[in-house]
Amino acid sequence: MIEKKLKHLEFIQNTITRMANNSFLLKGWSITVVGALIGLNKDGLDAKVIAITTFITFMFWILDAYFLKQERFFRKRYDEVSKKEEENIDFSMKLDKPLTSNDNWVNVFFSVTLNIFYGGIVVAILLFGYFMK
C-alpha cells in the first residue's frame, strides 16, 4: 500500500511544476518588458534607458534564480521521499538534509541557463544602445 507515498510525491511534483511555470512566465515577461522599453525609444537609447532596462533585467534574473533554487530544493525533497518507507511518510515539505553548496543562491543565480538567457538580454540591451545612437 503505497498510496501515502504517491500522494506525497504528487504534492511535491505539483510544487516543482508551479516553480518551473513561474520561471517560464518570468522569462516571457522579461523579454516583453525590455522589448517594449527599447521599442518605445525610437530616437535611440540613452544611458538612462539602458540603465533602467538593465536594472529590470537583473530584477527578473533575481526572481528567476529564486524560483530555480526552490525548484532544486523540491527536487531534492522528491528524491528523499521516493526513498522513504511508506510508514515514514509524514507529508512534510521540509528538506531533511541541508542543501549542497551547488544549491546556494549565488551558484543558482550564475547557473548556465540563467546566464545564457539573462546575460543575452543584457548584451542585447547594450548592443541596441550602441547601435541605436
N, C-alpha and C. Protein backbone atom coordinates (compact mmCIF):
# COMPACT_ATOMS: atom_id res chain seq x y z
N MET A 1 0.85 -1.19 0.00
CA MET A 1 0.00 0.00 0.00
C MET A 1 0.89 1.24 0.00
N ILE A 2 1.03 1.84 -1.15
CA ILE A 2 1.93 2.99 -1.28
C ILE A 2 1.16 4.27 -1.62
N GLU A 3 -0.08 4.33 -1.23
CA GLU A 3 -0.91 5.50 -1.55
C GLU A 3 -0.38 6.77 -0.91
N LYS A 4 0.04 6.70 0.34
CA LYS A 4 0.57 7.89 1.03
C LYS A 4 1.81 8.41 0.32
N LYS A 5 2.69 7.51 -0.04
CA LYS A 5 3.93 7.91 -0.70
C LYS A 5 3.64 8.55 -2.05
N LEU A 6 2.76 7.94 -2.82
CA LEU A 6 2.41 8.51 -4.12
C LEU A 6 1.75 9.88 -3.99
N LYS A 7 0.89 10.04 -3.00
CA LYS A 7 0.23 11.33 -2.79
C LYS A 7 1.24 12.39 -2.38
N HIS A 8 2.17 12.04 -1.51
CA HIS A 8 3.20 13.00 -1.09
C HIS A 8 4.07 13.39 -2.29
N LEU A 9 4.48 12.41 -3.09
CA LEU A 9 5.27 12.71 -4.29
C LEU A 9 4.49 13.58 -5.26
N GLU A 10 3.19 13.36 -5.33
CA GLU A 10 2.35 14.19 -6.20
C GLU A 10 2.31 15.64 -5.71
N PHE A 11 2.21 15.83 -4.41
CA PHE A 11 2.24 17.19 -3.83
C PHE A 11 3.54 17.89 -4.21
N ILE A 12 4.64 17.19 -4.04
CA ILE A 12 5.95 17.78 -4.33
C ILE A 12 6.09 18.06 -5.82
N GLN A 13 5.64 17.13 -6.65
CA GLN A 13 5.73 17.33 -8.10
C GLN A 13 4.89 18.53 -8.54
N ASN A 14 3.74 18.72 -7.94
CA ASN A 14 2.91 19.89 -8.25
C ASN A 14 3.63 21.19 -7.90
N THR A 15 4.36 21.19 -6.80
CA THR A 15 5.13 22.36 -6.41
C THR A 15 6.27 22.61 -7.39
N ILE A 16 6.96 21.56 -7.79
CA ILE A 16 8.04 21.68 -8.77
C ILE A 16 7.49 22.26 -10.07
N THR A 17 6.36 21.76 -10.51
CA THR A 17 5.74 22.24 -11.74
C THR A 17 5.37 23.72 -11.62
N ARG A 18 4.87 24.12 -10.46
CA ARG A 18 4.50 25.52 -10.25
C ARG A 18 5.74 26.41 -10.30
N MET A 19 6.85 25.98 -9.71
CA MET A 19 8.08 26.76 -9.74
C MET A 19 8.60 26.89 -11.17
N ALA A 20 8.57 25.80 -11.93
CA ALA A 20 9.02 25.84 -13.32
C ALA A 20 8.13 26.75 -14.16
N ASN A 21 6.83 26.73 -13.90
CA ASN A 21 5.90 27.60 -14.62
C ASN A 21 6.17 29.06 -14.28
N ASN A 22 6.43 29.35 -13.01
CA ASN A 22 6.75 30.73 -12.62
C ASN A 22 8.01 31.21 -13.34
N SER A 23 9.01 30.36 -13.43
CA SER A 23 10.24 30.70 -14.13
C SER A 23 9.98 30.99 -15.60
N PHE A 24 9.17 30.17 -16.22
CA PHE A 24 8.81 30.36 -17.63
C PHE A 24 8.09 31.69 -17.83
N LEU A 25 7.15 32.00 -16.96
CA LEU A 25 6.42 33.26 -17.06
C LEU A 25 7.35 34.47 -16.86
N LEU A 26 8.28 34.36 -15.93
CA LEU A 26 9.23 35.46 -15.72
C LEU A 26 10.07 35.72 -16.96
N LYS A 27 10.50 34.66 -17.62
CA LYS A 27 11.30 34.83 -18.84
C LYS A 27 10.47 35.54 -19.92
N GLY A 28 9.23 35.15 -20.06
CA GLY A 28 8.36 35.81 -21.03
C GLY A 28 8.14 37.28 -20.71
N TRP A 29 7.88 37.57 -19.45
CA TRP A 29 7.66 38.96 -19.04
C TRP A 29 8.92 39.79 -19.18
N SER A 30 10.07 39.21 -18.90
CA SER A 30 11.31 39.99 -19.01
C SER A 30 11.55 40.41 -20.46
N ILE A 31 11.35 39.50 -21.39
CA ILE A 31 11.52 39.85 -22.81
C ILE A 31 10.49 40.89 -23.23
N THR A 32 9.25 40.73 -22.77
CA THR A 32 8.19 41.68 -23.13
C THR A 32 8.48 43.08 -22.61
N VAL A 33 8.83 43.18 -21.33
CA VAL A 33 9.06 44.49 -20.72
C VAL A 33 10.29 45.16 -21.33
N VAL A 34 11.38 44.43 -21.45
CA VAL A 34 12.61 45.01 -22.01
C VAL A 34 12.39 45.38 -23.48
N GLY A 35 11.74 44.51 -24.23
CA GLY A 35 11.44 44.81 -25.64
C GLY A 35 10.56 46.03 -25.80
N ALA A 36 9.57 46.17 -24.93
CA ALA A 36 8.68 47.33 -25.01
C ALA A 36 9.44 48.61 -24.68
N LEU A 37 10.28 48.59 -23.67
CA LEU A 37 11.05 49.78 -23.31
C LEU A 37 12.02 50.18 -24.43
N ILE A 38 12.64 49.21 -25.05
CA ILE A 38 13.54 49.51 -26.17
C ILE A 38 12.73 50.01 -27.36
N GLY A 39 11.60 49.36 -27.63
CA GLY A 39 10.77 49.74 -28.77
C GLY A 39 10.15 51.12 -28.64
N LEU A 40 9.89 51.55 -27.44
CA LEU A 40 9.28 52.87 -27.24
C LEU A 40 10.29 54.01 -27.41
N ASN A 41 11.55 53.69 -27.45
CA ASN A 41 12.59 54.71 -27.61
C ASN A 41 13.15 54.66 -29.03
N LYS A 42 12.35 55.17 -29.98
CA LYS A 42 12.71 55.11 -31.39
C LYS A 42 13.90 56.01 -31.73
N ASP A 43 14.06 57.08 -30.97
CA ASP A 43 15.11 58.05 -31.28
C ASP A 43 16.49 57.58 -30.81
N GLY A 44 16.56 56.46 -30.16
CA GLY A 44 17.83 55.96 -29.66
C GLY A 44 17.78 55.75 -28.17
N LEU A 45 18.64 54.89 -27.72
CA LEU A 45 18.68 54.58 -26.30
C LEU A 45 19.74 55.43 -25.62
N ASP A 46 19.31 56.23 -24.66
CA ASP A 46 20.28 56.98 -23.89
C ASP A 46 20.70 56.15 -22.67
N ALA A 47 21.63 56.68 -21.92
CA ALA A 47 22.18 55.93 -20.78
C ALA A 47 21.11 55.61 -19.74
N LYS A 48 20.13 56.50 -19.59
CA LYS A 48 19.07 56.28 -18.60
C LYS A 48 18.21 55.07 -18.96
N VAL A 49 17.83 54.95 -20.23
CA VAL A 49 17.01 53.82 -20.68
C VAL A 49 17.81 52.52 -20.58
N ILE A 50 19.07 52.57 -20.95
CA ILE A 50 19.92 51.37 -20.85
C ILE A 50 20.02 50.94 -19.39
N ALA A 51 20.21 51.89 -18.49
CA ALA A 51 20.32 51.56 -17.06
C ALA A 51 19.01 50.97 -16.54
N ILE A 52 17.89 51.57 -16.92
CA ILE A 52 16.58 51.08 -16.44
C ILE A 52 16.31 49.67 -16.96
N THR A 53 16.52 49.45 -18.25
CA THR A 53 16.25 48.11 -18.80
C THR A 53 17.20 47.06 -18.23
N THR A 54 18.45 47.45 -18.01
CA THR A 54 19.40 46.52 -17.40
C THR A 54 19.00 46.20 -15.96
N PHE A 55 18.59 47.22 -15.22
CA PHE A 55 18.12 47.01 -13.85
C PHE A 55 16.90 46.08 -13.82
N ILE A 56 15.96 46.32 -14.70
CA ILE A 56 14.76 45.47 -14.76
C ILE A 56 15.15 44.03 -15.09
N THR A 57 16.09 43.86 -16.02
CA THR A 57 16.56 42.52 -16.37
C THR A 57 17.17 41.82 -15.15
N PHE A 58 17.98 42.54 -14.38
CA PHE A 58 18.57 41.94 -13.19
C PHE A 58 17.51 41.60 -12.14
N MET A 59 16.45 42.38 -12.03
CA MET A 59 15.37 42.06 -11.09
C MET A 59 14.66 40.77 -11.51
N PHE A 60 14.39 40.63 -12.81
CA PHE A 60 13.81 39.38 -13.30
C PHE A 60 14.77 38.21 -13.08
N TRP A 61 16.05 38.45 -13.27
CA TRP A 61 17.08 37.43 -13.08
C TRP A 61 17.08 36.94 -11.63
N ILE A 62 17.01 37.87 -10.70
CA ILE A 62 16.98 37.52 -9.27
C ILE A 62 15.74 36.69 -8.94
N LEU A 63 14.58 37.13 -9.43
CA LEU A 63 13.35 36.36 -9.18
C LEU A 63 13.42 34.97 -9.79
N ASP A 64 13.94 34.88 -11.01
CA ASP A 64 14.05 33.59 -11.67
C ASP A 64 15.01 32.67 -10.91
N ALA A 65 16.10 33.23 -10.40
CA ALA A 65 17.04 32.44 -9.60
C ALA A 65 16.37 31.93 -8.33
N TYR A 66 15.51 32.75 -7.74
CA TYR A 66 14.78 32.31 -6.55
C TYR A 66 13.90 31.10 -6.88
N PHE A 67 13.16 31.18 -7.97
CA PHE A 67 12.28 30.06 -8.33
C PHE A 67 13.08 28.82 -8.72
N LEU A 68 14.22 29.02 -9.38
CA LEU A 68 15.07 27.88 -9.72
C LEU A 68 15.63 27.22 -8.46
N LYS A 69 16.01 28.04 -7.49
CA LYS A 69 16.51 27.49 -6.22
C LYS A 69 15.41 26.69 -5.52
N GLN A 70 14.20 27.22 -5.50
CA GLN A 70 13.09 26.50 -4.89
C GLN A 70 12.81 25.20 -5.64
N GLU A 71 12.88 25.25 -6.95
CA GLU A 71 12.65 24.03 -7.75
C GLU A 71 13.70 22.97 -7.41
N ARG A 72 14.95 23.37 -7.30
CA ARG A 72 16.01 22.42 -6.93
C ARG A 72 15.77 21.85 -5.53
N PHE A 73 15.33 22.72 -4.63
CA PHE A 73 15.03 22.28 -3.27
C PHE A 73 13.97 21.17 -3.30
N PHE A 74 12.89 21.40 -4.02
CA PHE A 74 11.81 20.42 -4.04
C PHE A 74 12.18 19.17 -4.84
N ARG A 75 13.07 19.29 -5.78
CA ARG A 75 13.56 18.08 -6.47
C ARG A 75 14.34 17.20 -5.49
N LYS A 76 15.12 17.83 -4.64
CA LYS A 76 15.83 17.05 -3.60
C LYS A 76 14.83 16.43 -2.63
N ARG A 77 13.81 17.18 -2.29
CA ARG A 77 12.78 16.65 -1.40
C ARG A 77 12.08 15.45 -2.04
N TYR A 78 11.82 15.55 -3.33
CA TYR A 78 11.19 14.45 -4.07
C TYR A 78 12.07 13.21 -3.99
N ASP A 79 13.37 13.39 -4.20
CA ASP A 79 14.29 12.25 -4.11
C ASP A 79 14.28 11.63 -2.72
N GLU A 80 14.25 12.47 -1.69
CA GLU A 80 14.22 11.95 -0.31
C GLU A 80 12.95 11.13 -0.06
N VAL A 81 11.82 11.68 -0.46
CA VAL A 81 10.55 11.00 -0.19
C VAL A 81 10.47 9.70 -0.99
N SER A 82 11.01 9.69 -2.21
CA SER A 82 10.93 8.47 -3.02
C SER A 82 11.71 7.32 -2.39
N LYS A 83 12.69 7.64 -1.53
CA LYS A 83 13.50 6.60 -0.88
C LYS A 83 12.93 6.18 0.48
N LYS A 84 11.94 6.90 0.98
CA LYS A 84 11.39 6.59 2.30
C LYS A 84 10.45 5.39 2.24
N GLU A 85 10.33 4.75 3.37
CA GLU A 85 9.36 3.67 3.52
C GLU A 85 7.97 4.28 3.73
N GLU A 86 6.96 3.55 3.38
CA GLU A 86 5.58 4.04 3.47
C GLU A 86 5.21 4.53 4.87
N GLU A 87 5.65 3.83 5.89
CA GLU A 87 5.27 4.20 7.26
C GLU A 87 5.98 5.48 7.73
N ASN A 88 7.01 5.91 7.02
CA ASN A 88 7.74 7.12 7.39
C ASN A 88 7.26 8.37 6.65
N ILE A 89 6.25 8.23 5.83
CA ILE A 89 5.74 9.38 5.07
C ILE A 89 4.96 10.28 6.02
N ASP A 90 5.39 11.54 6.10
CA ASP A 90 4.75 12.49 7.02
C ASP A 90 4.18 13.72 6.30
N PHE A 91 4.25 13.73 4.97
CA PHE A 91 3.75 14.82 4.13
C PHE A 91 4.45 16.14 4.40
N SER A 92 5.64 16.08 4.94
CA SER A 92 6.42 17.29 5.19
C SER A 92 7.01 17.80 3.87
N MET A 93 7.07 19.09 3.74
CA MET A 93 7.69 19.70 2.56
C MET A 93 9.07 20.24 2.91
N LYS A 94 9.57 19.94 4.11
CA LYS A 94 10.89 20.39 4.53
C LYS A 94 11.93 19.38 4.09
N LEU A 95 13.11 19.91 3.78
CA LEU A 95 14.21 19.06 3.37
C LEU A 95 14.90 18.51 4.62
N ASP A 96 15.12 17.19 4.65
CA ASP A 96 15.74 16.56 5.81
C ASP A 96 17.23 16.84 5.90
N LYS A 97 17.89 16.91 4.75
CA LYS A 97 19.32 17.19 4.72
C LYS A 97 19.54 18.61 4.20
N PRO A 98 20.62 19.24 4.61
CA PRO A 98 20.88 20.59 4.09
C PRO A 98 21.22 20.55 2.60
N LEU A 99 20.98 21.64 1.92
CA LEU A 99 21.32 21.73 0.51
C LEU A 99 22.83 21.77 0.34
N THR A 100 23.29 21.36 -0.81
CA THR A 100 24.73 21.38 -1.08
C THR A 100 25.16 22.79 -1.47
N SER A 101 26.46 23.01 -1.55
CA SER A 101 26.97 24.33 -1.92
C SER A 101 26.58 24.70 -3.34
N ASN A 102 26.32 23.71 -4.19
CA ASN A 102 25.88 24.00 -5.56
C ASN A 102 24.49 24.61 -5.60
N ASP A 103 23.75 24.47 -4.52
CA ASP A 103 22.38 24.96 -4.48
C ASP A 103 22.26 26.28 -3.73
N ASN A 104 23.39 26.90 -3.39
CA ASN A 104 23.26 28.20 -2.72
C ASN A 104 22.81 29.24 -3.73
N TRP A 105 22.37 30.37 -3.23
CA TRP A 105 21.73 31.36 -4.08
C TRP A 105 22.67 31.88 -5.17
N VAL A 106 23.92 32.12 -4.85
CA VAL A 106 24.87 32.67 -5.83
C VAL A 106 25.10 31.69 -6.97
N ASN A 107 25.29 30.42 -6.65
CA ASN A 107 25.50 29.41 -7.70
C ASN A 107 24.28 29.26 -8.58
N VAL A 108 23.11 29.35 -7.99
CA VAL A 108 21.89 29.26 -8.79
C VAL A 108 21.76 30.50 -9.68
N PHE A 109 22.06 31.68 -9.13
CA PHE A 109 21.97 32.93 -9.90
C PHE A 109 22.89 32.86 -11.12
N PHE A 110 24.07 32.27 -10.97
CA PHE A 110 25.02 32.19 -12.07
C PHE A 110 24.98 30.83 -12.76
N SER A 111 23.85 30.15 -12.72
CA SER A 111 23.73 28.87 -13.42
C SER A 111 23.78 29.11 -14.93
N VAL A 112 24.15 28.10 -15.66
CA VAL A 112 24.36 28.22 -17.11
C VAL A 112 23.10 28.72 -17.81
N THR A 113 21.96 28.13 -17.49
CA THR A 113 20.74 28.50 -18.21
C THR A 113 20.34 29.96 -17.95
N LEU A 114 20.45 30.40 -16.70
CA LEU A 114 20.10 31.79 -16.40
C LEU A 114 21.12 32.75 -16.99
N ASN A 115 22.40 32.38 -16.96
CA ASN A 115 23.44 33.23 -17.56
C ASN A 115 23.20 33.43 -19.05
N ILE A 116 22.90 32.35 -19.74
CA ILE A 116 22.68 32.45 -21.19
C ILE A 116 21.46 33.32 -21.48
N PHE A 117 20.36 33.08 -20.78
CA PHE A 117 19.14 33.82 -21.08
C PHE A 117 19.26 35.29 -20.69
N TYR A 118 19.52 35.57 -19.41
CA TYR A 118 19.53 36.96 -18.95
C TYR A 118 20.80 37.68 -19.37
N GLY A 119 21.91 36.98 -19.44
CA GLY A 119 23.12 37.59 -19.98
C GLY A 119 22.93 38.00 -21.42
N GLY A 120 22.21 37.16 -22.17
CA GLY A 120 21.89 37.50 -23.56
C GLY A 120 21.04 38.75 -23.67
N ILE A 121 20.10 38.90 -22.76
CA ILE A 121 19.26 40.10 -22.76
C ILE A 121 20.11 41.33 -22.45
N VAL A 122 20.99 41.23 -21.47
CA VAL A 122 21.85 42.37 -21.12
C VAL A 122 22.75 42.73 -22.30
N VAL A 123 23.33 41.74 -22.96
CA VAL A 123 24.17 42.00 -24.14
C VAL A 123 23.33 42.66 -25.23
N ALA A 124 22.12 42.18 -25.45
CA ALA A 124 21.24 42.77 -26.47
C ALA A 124 20.92 44.23 -26.13
N ILE A 125 20.66 44.51 -24.86
CA ILE A 125 20.39 45.90 -24.45
C ILE A 125 21.60 46.78 -24.78
N LEU A 126 22.77 46.29 -24.42
CA LEU A 126 23.99 47.09 -24.67
C LEU A 126 24.24 47.27 -26.16
N LEU A 127 23.99 46.23 -26.97
CA LEU A 127 24.16 46.35 -28.42
C LEU A 127 23.14 47.32 -29.02
N PHE A 128 21.89 47.22 -28.58
CA PHE A 128 20.88 48.17 -29.05
C PHE A 128 21.28 49.59 -28.66
N GLY A 129 21.77 49.76 -27.45
CA GLY A 129 22.21 51.08 -27.01
C GLY A 129 23.35 51.62 -27.85
N TYR A 130 24.25 50.75 -28.25
CA TYR A 130 25.41 51.19 -29.04
C TYR A 130 25.00 51.51 -30.48
N PHE A 131 24.17 50.66 -31.08
CA PHE A 131 23.83 50.84 -32.49
C PHE A 131 22.63 51.75 -32.74
N MET A 132 21.88 52.10 -31.72
CA MET A 132 20.71 52.96 -31.91
C MET A 132 21.00 54.42 -31.52
N LYS A 133 22.22 54.82 -31.59
CA LYS A 133 22.55 56.21 -31.25
C LYS A 133 22.25 57.13 -32.40
